[in-house]
């Protein structure tokens, strides 16, 4: 999954992060990618924390869609 910004012709940084569904508490694979210049910036860290706080696994996301 790509998070953040990747400019044209920029190297991608692949990293693993512990990601847990906020609804059912299942741990999901945490393989993420971002651009080399964006990686480890303050904006990146904030975006990653917000992503982890609001992440839903595929099952919970599908249930939410069906409810709406």
C-alpha atoms as a PDB file:
ATOM      1  CA  UNK A   1       0.000   0.000   0.000  1.00  0.00           C
ATOM      2  CA  UNK A   2       1.276   3.471  -0.811  1.00  0.00           C
ATOM      3  CA  UNK A   3       1.080   6.180   1.817  1.00  0.00           C
ATOM      4  CA  UNK A   4       2.142   9.777   1.364  1.00  0.00           C
ATOM      5  CA  UNK A   5       3.733  11.276  -1.700  1.00  0.00           C
ATOM      6  CA  UNK A   6       5.862   9.708  -4.424  1.00  0.00           C
ATOM      7  CA  UNK A   7       7.150  12.120  -7.038  1.00  0.00           C
ATOM      8  CA  UNK A   8       7.738  11.111 -10.632  1.00  0.00           C
ATOM      9  CA  UNK A   9      11.028   9.168 -11.050  1.00  0.00           C
ATOM     10  CA  UNK A  10      11.581   9.110  -7.281  1.00  0.00           C
ATOM     11  CA  UNK A  11      12.846   6.028  -5.467  1.00  0.00           C
ATOM     12  CA  UNK A  12      10.286   4.230  -3.303  1.00  0.00           C
ATOM     13  CA  UNK A  13      11.024   3.294   0.276  1.00  0.00           C
ATOM     14  CA  UNK A  14       9.407   0.055   1.441  1.00  0.00           C
ATOM     15  CA  UNK A  15       8.858  -0.410   5.158  1.00  0.00           C
ATOM     16  CA  UNK A  16       6.865  -2.587   7.518  1.00  0.00           C
ATOM     17  CA  UNK A  17       4.610  -1.146  10.169  1.00  0.00           C
ATOM     18  CA  UNK A  18       2.417  -2.877  12.759  1.00  0.00           C
ATOM     19  CA  UNK A  19      -1.133  -2.075  11.668  1.00  0.00           C
ATOM     20  CA  UNK A  20      -4.178  -3.164  13.660  1.00  0.00           C
ATOM     21  CA  UNK A  21      -7.832  -2.833  12.619  1.00  0.00           C
ATOM     22  CA  UNK A  22      -9.496  -0.232  14.833  1.00  0.00           C
ATOM     23  CA  UNK A  23     -12.770  -2.165  14.812  1.00  0.00           C
ATOM     24  CA  UNK A  24     -11.901  -5.851  15.364  1.00  0.00           C
ATOM     25  CA  UNK A  25      -8.266  -5.548  16.565  1.00  0.00           C
ATOM     26  CA  UNK A  26      -6.890  -7.966  13.960  1.00  0.00           C
ATOM     27  CA  UNK A  27      -3.306  -7.372  12.898  1.00  0.00           C
ATOM     28  CA  UNK A  28      -2.994  -6.941   9.154  1.00  0.00           C
ATOM     29  CA  UNK A  29       0.085  -7.104   6.905  1.00  0.00           C
ATOM     30  CA  UNK A  30       1.891  -3.802   7.243  1.00  0.00           C
ATOM     31  CA  UNK A  31       3.930  -3.547   4.051  1.00  0.00           C
ATOM     32  CA  UNK A  32       3.839   0.117   3.016  1.00  0.00           C
ATOM     33  CA  UNK A  33       5.632   2.320   0.476  1.00  0.00           C
ATOM     34  CA  UNK A  34       6.376   6.017   0.230  1.00  0.00           C
ATOM     35  CA  UNK A  35       8.714   8.348  -1.623  1.00  0.00           C
ATOM     36  CA  UNK A  36      12.311   8.680  -0.450  1.00  0.00           C
ATOM     37  CA  UNK A  37      12.077  12.444   0.121  1.00  0.00           C
ATOM     38  CA  UNK A  38       8.806  12.125   2.105  1.00  0.00           C
ATOM     39  CA  UNK A  39       9.924   9.249   4.328  1.00  0.00           C
ATOM     40  CA  UNK A  40      10.582  10.175   8.000  1.00  0.00           C
ATOM     41  CA  UNK A  41       9.420  13.806   7.659  1.00  0.00           C
ATOM     42  CA  UNK A  42       7.116  15.292  10.315  1.00  0.00           C
ATOM     43  CA  UNK A  43       4.199  15.329   7.854  1.00  0.00           C
ATOM     44  CA  UNK A  44       4.818  11.654   7.051  1.00  0.00           C
ATOM     45  CA  UNK A  45       4.830  10.705  10.744  1.00  0.00           C
ATOM     46  CA  UNK A  46       1.537  12.547  11.343  1.00  0.00           C
ATOM     47  CA  UNK A  47      -0.088  10.939   8.297  1.00  0.00           C
ATOM     48  CA  UNK A  48       1.065   7.466   9.360  1.00  0.00           C
ATOM     49  CA  UNK A  49      -0.311   7.914  12.895  1.00  0.00           C
ATOM     50  CA  UNK A  50      -3.686   9.110  11.528  1.00  0.00           C
ATOM     51  CA  UNK A  51      -3.726   6.158   9.126  1.00  0.00           C
ATOM     52  CA  UNK A  52      -3.126   3.704  11.976  1.00  0.00           C
ATOM     53  CA  UNK A  53      -5.832   5.336  14.141  1.00  0.00           C
ATOM     54  CA  UNK A  54      -8.517   5.012  11.454  1.00  0.00           C
ATOM     55  CA  UNK A  55      -7.530   1.797   9.619  1.00  0.00           C
ATOM     56  CA  UNK A  56     -10.202  -0.837   8.990  1.00  0.00           C
ATOM     57  CA  UNK A  57      -9.375  -4.322   7.727  1.00  0.00           C
ATOM     58  CA  UNK A  58     -11.097  -5.525   4.546  1.00  0.00           C
ATOM     59  CA  UNK A  59     -13.841  -7.405   6.415  1.00  0.00           C
ATOM     60  CA  UNK A  60     -14.775  -4.456   8.651  1.00  0.00           C
ATOM     61  CA  UNK A  61     -14.577  -2.038   5.725  1.00  0.00           C
ATOM     62  CA  UNK A  62     -16.973  -4.212   3.690  1.00  0.00           C
ATOM     63  CA  UNK A  63     -19.401  -4.448   6.634  1.00  0.00           C
ATOM     64  CA  UNK A  64     -19.372  -0.654   6.970  1.00  0.00           C
ATOM     65  CA  UNK A  65     -20.095  -0.235   3.244  1.00  0.00           C
ATOM     66  CA  UNK A  66     -23.045  -2.651   3.426  1.00  0.00           C
ATOM     67  CA  UNK A  67     -24.531  -0.736   6.353  1.00  0.00           C
ATOM     68  CA  UNK A  68     -24.559   2.482   4.331  1.00  0.00           C
END
